[in-house]
Amino acid sequence: MRHPGTMTARRGELAAFLRAARERVRPADVGLPDLGRRRTPGLRRQEVAELAAVSVDWYVRLEQGRVGTPGSGVLDGIAAALLLSPAERVHLHLIARGEAPPQQHVPAPLGGSLRAVLDGMPLLPAYVVDFRFDILGRNAAAAALFGPKFGHGRLGNTARMLFLDPETRETNLDWAAFAAEMVGNLRVNQARHPDDAHLAELIAELRTASREFAAWWDDQHVHERSRGTKRIRHATAGTMTVAYDMLAALDGSDQRLFVLTPADEPAERALRTLVAAHATALASAG
């Protein structure tokens, strides 16, 4: 049984550690605009909560030491949002849960040439995923379209986003068709990488958490579509139709470059407006 005094001291240490970590991260470091006056340096509590995909109220109570024992996955989301080092992540788990975290999956590094391709397409939303659909990198246009949380924390895997994030499901107007393609792609990738434990964990998680995923998976759905069109509902830009292409890297890394292009003139105007607004916000933050 843990001594009450030890638990109180640990919660105080957790609160101090989170505040210090939050104050070290600049909004621009995580793709956020630096808007309005800030009473303290670094990120606001609301921004950390959004990046970690938790409620603002819960995060405030965590930082004040007023919650119970957080889950390991939630802590990893916070660690990613705060850009913690591996040693800092372990420390966070120890002071929040009293135990070391499970071994963390580290996605394969993004190749320098693909990074250059991403940055060389300022008007086209693009990102790179591996065979698990972990997001290895995304450009500023993708952040402008999908929001600054895209590619960070718990929103760092597009398969998990598609099936488990309500906002992603709501904004993809052709969700069922696109989600079914994702299941088929995952089955193909599992055949290519049958011994990858993290891919197996992802599939098991999605089968448990999503009835649609489980039904498509159990139907032995196999599909490897690399291009198509879809409609996206954006909070400020409205509905736009975009084409998507998934291009395979030829270096044997099994990485994919996913590029979105406007399918018509209204979509092109909307994307240009979003990208310009995002660039202005980042410039103001700098």
Protein backbone atom coordinates (compact mmCIF):
# COMPACT_ATOMS: atom_id res chain seq x y z
CA MET A 1 0.00 0.00 0.00
CA ARG A 2 1.35 3.42 -0.95
CA HIS A 3 1.87 5.85 1.92
CA PRO A 4 -0.44 8.90 1.64
CA GLY A 5 2.47 11.26 2.22
CA THR A 6 4.42 9.69 -0.63
CA MET A 7 1.44 10.01 -2.97
CA THR A 8 0.96 13.68 -2.03
CA ALA A 9 4.63 14.45 -2.64
CA ARG A 10 4.53 12.63 -5.98
CA ARG A 11 1.49 14.60 -7.13
CA GLY A 12 3.23 17.83 -6.21
CA GLU A 13 6.29 16.78 -8.18
CA LEU A 14 4.09 15.83 -11.15
CA ALA A 15 2.41 19.24 -11.11
CA ALA A 16 5.74 21.08 -11.00
CA PHE A 17 7.25 18.89 -13.72
CA LEU A 18 4.32 19.39 -16.11
CA ARG A 19 4.30 23.16 -15.62
CA ALA A 20 8.05 23.38 -16.24
CA ALA A 21 7.85 21.15 -19.33
CA ARG A 22 4.93 23.17 -20.71
CA GLU A 23 6.76 26.45 -20.27
CA ARG A 24 9.77 25.16 -22.25
CA VAL A 25 7.79 24.48 -25.44
CA ARG A 26 7.13 27.35 -27.80
CA PRO A 27 3.90 27.25 -29.85
CA ALA A 28 5.93 27.26 -33.07
CA ASP A 29 7.75 24.11 -31.91
CA VAL A 30 4.51 22.13 -32.30
CA GLY A 31 3.05 23.99 -35.27
CA LEU A 32 0.78 26.34 -33.30
CA PRO A 33 0.36 30.08 -33.85
CA ASP A 34 1.40 32.33 -30.98
CA LEU A 35 -1.78 34.37 -30.65
CA GLY A 36 -2.59 36.79 -27.86
CA ARG A 37 -0.65 37.73 -24.76
CA ARG A 38 0.69 34.93 -22.57
CA ARG A 39 1.04 35.35 -18.83
CA THR A 40 3.79 32.74 -18.79
CA PRO A 41 6.16 31.48 -21.52
CA GLY A 42 5.45 28.31 -23.44
CA LEU A 43 2.21 26.52 -24.19
CA ARG A 44 -1.14 27.19 -22.58
CA ARG A 45 -2.84 24.34 -20.74
CA GLN A 46 -5.56 24.29 -23.40
CA GLU A 47 -2.97 23.84 -26.15
CA VAL A 48 -1.33 20.90 -24.37
CA ALA A 49 -4.74 19.29 -23.87
CA GLU A 50 -5.61 19.69 -27.55
CA LEU A 51 -2.28 18.25 -28.70
CA ALA A 52 -2.63 15.30 -26.31
CA ALA A 53 -6.32 14.76 -27.23
CA VAL A 54 -7.60 15.07 -23.64
CA SER A 55 -10.12 17.46 -22.12
CA VAL A 56 -8.86 20.80 -20.88
CA ASP A 57 -10.53 20.30 -17.49
CA TRP A 58 -8.83 16.92 -17.01
CA TYR A 59 -5.41 18.28 -17.94
CA VAL A 60 -5.81 21.25 -15.59
CA ARG A 61 -6.65 18.89 -12.74
CA LEU A 62 -3.68 16.68 -13.66
CA GLU A 63 -1.31 19.64 -13.57
CA GLN A 64 -2.76 20.65 -10.22
CA GLY A 65 -2.26 17.15 -8.84
CA ARG A 66 -6.00 16.53 -8.43
CA VAL A 67 -6.52 13.33 -10.46
CA GLY A 68 -5.97 9.68 -9.70
CA THR A 69 -3.60 7.44 -11.62
CA PRO A 70 -3.55 8.39 -15.34
CA GLY A 71 -3.45 5.72 -18.02
CA SER A 72 -0.17 4.91 -19.74
CA GLY A 73 -1.49 5.86 -23.18
CA VAL A 74 -2.72 9.24 -21.95
CA LEU A 75 0.67 9.98 -20.42
CA ASP A 76 2.37 9.11 -23.68
CA GLY A 77 0.08 11.55 -25.46
CA ILE A 78 1.08 14.28 -23.02
CA ALA A 79 4.76 13.35 -23.36
CA ALA A 80 4.50 13.73 -27.13
CA ALA A 81 2.63 17.04 -26.83
CA LEU A 82 5.34 18.42 -24.54
CA LEU A 83 8.17 17.07 -26.72
CA LEU A 84 9.62 15.14 -23.79
CA SER A 85 12.85 13.22 -24.24
CA PRO A 86 12.85 9.43 -23.64
CA ALA A 87 14.29 9.99 -20.16
CA GLU A 88 11.68 12.64 -19.38
CA ARG A 89 8.91 10.31 -20.59
CA VAL A 90 10.07 7.64 -18.16
CA HIS A 91 10.21 10.22 -15.36
CA LEU A 92 6.65 11.35 -16.18
CA HIS A 93 5.36 7.79 -15.87
CA LEU A 94 7.24 7.21 -12.63
CA ILE A 95 5.88 10.28 -10.86
CA ALA A 96 2.37 9.94 -12.32
CA ARG A 97 1.90 6.17 -12.05
CA GLY A 98 4.69 4.95 -9.83
CA GLU A 99 6.00 2.59 -12.48
CA ALA A 100 8.09 2.71 -15.63
CA PRO A 101 6.21 2.93 -18.93
CA PRO A 102 5.96 0.07 -21.40
CA GLN A 103 8.51 0.01 -24.18
CA GLN A 104 7.65 2.77 -26.62
CA HIS A 105 7.32 2.14 -30.31
CA VAL A 106 9.57 4.51 -32.24
CA PRO A 107 8.52 4.91 -35.90
CA ALA A 108 11.19 4.58 -38.53
CA PRO A 109 12.96 7.88 -39.26
CA LEU A 110 11.80 9.93 -42.21
CA GLY A 111 14.30 9.95 -45.04
CA GLY A 112 15.92 13.26 -45.86
CA SER A 113 14.77 13.18 -49.48
CA LEU A 114 11.12 12.67 -48.47
CA ARG A 115 11.43 15.52 -45.97
CA ALA A 116 12.66 17.72 -48.81
CA VAL A 117 9.71 16.63 -50.97
CA LEU A 118 7.26 17.51 -48.18
CA ASP A 119 8.74 20.95 -47.66
CA GLY A 120 8.92 21.53 -51.41
CA MET A 121 5.13 21.35 -51.77
CA PRO A 122 3.98 24.44 -49.85
CA LEU A 123 0.46 24.51 -51.35
CA LEU A 124 -0.34 20.79 -51.30
CA PRO A 125 -1.13 19.01 -48.01
CA ALA A 126 1.23 16.04 -47.78
CA TYR A 127 2.54 13.63 -45.19
CA VAL A 128 4.58 10.43 -45.00
CA VAL A 129 3.44 7.23 -43.26
CA ASP A 130 5.05 3.87 -42.67
CA PHE A 131 3.37 0.47 -43.13
CA ARG A 132 1.67 0.89 -39.72
CA PHE A 133 0.29 4.27 -40.89
CA ASP A 134 2.33 6.09 -38.26
CA ILE A 135 2.83 9.66 -39.46
CA LEU A 136 6.58 10.19 -39.89
CA GLY A 137 6.34 13.76 -41.12
CA ARG A 138 3.89 16.28 -42.53
CA ASN A 139 4.22 19.66 -44.17
CA ALA A 140 2.74 23.01 -43.19
CA ALA A 141 -0.10 22.66 -45.71
CA ALA A 142 -1.23 19.44 -44.00
CA ALA A 143 -1.23 21.23 -40.65
CA ALA A 144 -3.25 24.05 -42.20
CA LEU A 145 -5.88 21.59 -43.47
CA PHE A 146 -6.04 19.06 -40.63
CA GLY A 147 -5.03 21.26 -37.71
CA PRO A 148 -1.86 21.53 -35.61
CA LYS A 149 -2.63 18.31 -33.71
CA PHE A 150 -2.25 16.26 -36.89
CA GLY A 151 0.83 14.08 -36.65
CA HIS A 152 1.35 14.69 -32.93
CA GLY A 153 0.57 12.70 -29.82
CA ARG A 154 -2.47 10.44 -30.07
CA LEU A 155 -3.19 11.75 -33.58
CA GLY A 156 0.06 10.37 -34.92
CA ASN A 157 -1.44 7.36 -36.73
CA THR A 158 -3.95 7.85 -39.55
CA ALA A 159 -5.64 4.46 -39.10
CA ARG A 160 -6.26 5.18 -35.41
CA MET A 161 -7.51 8.68 -36.27
CA LEU A 162 -9.87 7.39 -38.93
CA PHE A 163 -11.58 4.85 -36.68
CA LEU A 164 -11.21 6.28 -33.17
CA ASP A 165 -11.23 10.08 -33.51
CA PRO A 166 -14.82 11.42 -33.81
CA GLU A 167 -13.71 14.68 -35.43
CA THR A 168 -11.82 12.86 -38.20
CA ARG A 169 -14.86 10.70 -38.88
CA GLU A 170 -17.17 13.70 -39.01
CA THR A 171 -15.02 15.73 -41.39
CA ASN A 172 -14.51 12.85 -43.86
CA LEU A 173 -17.81 12.88 -45.76
CA ASP A 174 -16.90 9.68 -47.61
CA TRP A 175 -15.77 8.01 -44.41
CA ALA A 176 -17.10 4.50 -45.06
CA ALA A 177 -15.38 4.09 -48.42
CA PHE A 178 -12.11 5.58 -47.18
CA ALA A 179 -12.19 3.55 -43.94
CA ALA A 180 -12.80 0.30 -45.83
CA GLU A 181 -9.75 1.07 -47.98
CA MET A 182 -7.71 1.55 -44.81
CA VAL A 183 -8.71 -1.91 -43.55
CA GLY A 184 -7.70 -3.48 -46.84
CA ASN A 185 -4.36 -1.68 -46.82
CA LEU A 186 -3.66 -2.82 -43.27
CA ARG A 187 -4.37 -6.44 -44.19
CA VAL A 188 -1.95 -6.22 -47.11
CA ASN A 189 0.68 -4.66 -44.84
CA GLN A 190 0.18 -7.35 -42.20
CA ALA A 191 0.94 -10.00 -44.83
CA ARG A 192 4.14 -8.14 -45.70
CA HIS A 193 5.14 -7.71 -42.05
CA PRO A 194 3.63 -10.70 -40.20
CA ASP A 195 6.07 -10.48 -37.30
CA ASP A 196 5.68 -6.77 -36.53
CA ALA A 197 4.33 -6.61 -32.98
CA HIS A 198 3.24 -2.98 -33.15
CA LEU A 199 1.21 -3.51 -36.31
CA ALA A 200 -0.47 -6.48 -34.62
CA GLU A 201 -1.22 -4.33 -31.56
CA LEU A 202 -2.77 -1.61 -33.74
CA ILE A 203 -5.01 -4.09 -35.55
CA ALA A 204 -6.09 -5.69 -32.25
CA GLU A 205 -6.88 -2.28 -30.79
CA LEU A 206 -8.99 -1.27 -33.79
CA ARG A 207 -10.85 -4.59 -33.84
CA THR A 208 -11.77 -4.12 -30.20
CA ALA A 209 -12.69 -0.43 -30.38
CA SER A 210 -14.48 -0.23 -33.75
CA ARG A 211 -17.33 -2.48 -34.85
CA GLU A 212 -16.93 -1.32 -38.43
CA PHE A 213 -13.25 -2.18 -38.46
CA ALA A 214 -13.93 -5.60 -36.93
CA ALA A 215 -16.63 -6.38 -39.51
CA TRP A 216 -14.46 -5.39 -42.46
CA TRP A 217 -11.46 -7.23 -41.03
CA ASP A 218 -13.42 -10.42 -40.38
CA ASP A 219 -14.80 -10.19 -43.93
CA GLN A 220 -11.20 -10.78 -45.13
CA HIS A 221 -11.28 -7.47 -46.95
CA VAL A 222 -8.10 -6.97 -49.00
CA HIS A 223 -7.50 -3.77 -50.88
CA GLU A 224 -4.52 -1.64 -51.83
CA ARG A 225 -5.89 1.47 -53.43
CA SER A 226 -3.32 4.18 -53.94
CA ARG A 227 -5.45 7.01 -55.36
CA GLY A 228 -8.95 8.39 -55.36
CA THR A 229 -11.06 11.39 -54.36
CA LYS A 230 -12.80 12.33 -51.14
CA ARG A 231 -14.81 15.18 -49.68
CA ILE A 232 -13.61 17.01 -46.57
CA ARG A 233 -15.74 19.26 -44.39
CA HIS A 234 -13.58 22.01 -42.89
CA ALA A 235 -14.73 24.20 -40.01
CA THR A 236 -13.86 27.48 -41.80
CA ALA A 237 -13.29 26.56 -45.45
CA GLY A 238 -16.47 24.52 -45.88
CA THR A 239 -16.72 21.37 -47.97
CA MET A 240 -13.99 20.71 -50.49
CA THR A 241 -13.28 17.83 -52.87
CA VAL A 242 -9.69 16.68 -53.10
CA ALA A 243 -7.84 13.96 -54.94
CA TYR A 244 -5.36 11.82 -53.03
CA ASP A 245 -2.36 9.83 -54.20
CA MET A 246 -0.28 7.47 -52.07
CA LEU A 247 3.18 7.08 -53.58
CA ALA A 248 5.61 4.38 -52.44
CA ALA A 249 9.22 5.24 -51.69
CA LEU A 250 11.67 3.21 -53.77
CA ASP A 251 14.36 2.86 -51.08
CA GLY A 252 12.96 -0.30 -49.49
CA SER A 253 11.72 1.54 -46.38
CA ASP A 254 8.03 0.73 -47.07
CA GLN A 255 7.17 4.37 -46.49
CA ARG A 256 4.38 6.12 -48.38
CA LEU A 257 4.01 9.75 -49.43
CA PHE A 258 0.36 10.79 -49.19
CA VAL A 259 -0.49 13.93 -51.22
CA LEU A 260 -3.78 15.80 -51.48
CA THR A 261 -4.55 17.97 -54.52
CA PRO A 262 -7.65 20.12 -55.14
CA ALA A 263 -10.16 18.45 -57.46
CA ASP A 264 -11.77 21.71 -58.59
CA GLU A 265 -11.33 25.47 -58.47
CA PRO A 266 -13.32 26.02 -55.23
CA ALA A 267 -11.16 23.47 -53.45
CA GLU A 268 -8.00 25.12 -54.82
CA ARG A 269 -9.11 28.54 -53.56
CA ALA A 270 -10.02 27.09 -50.16
CA LEU A 271 -6.65 25.36 -49.79
CA ARG A 272 -4.74 28.47 -50.78
CA THR A 273 -6.66 30.49 -48.20
CA LEU A 274 -6.01 27.95 -45.45
CA VAL A 275 -2.30 27.65 -46.25
CA ALA A 276 -1.87 31.44 -46.40
CA ALA A 277 -3.65 31.90 -43.05
CA HIS A 278 -1.52 29.19 -41.45
CA ALA A 279 1.71 30.74 -42.78
CA THR A 280 0.68 34.17 -41.48
CA ALA A 281 -0.05 32.75 -38.04
CA LEU A 282 3.32 30.97 -37.89
CA ALA A 283 5.13 34.11 -39.04
CA SER A 284 3.42 36.11 -36.29
CA ALA A 285 4.43 33.46 -33.76
CA GLY A 286 8.05 33.69 -34.83
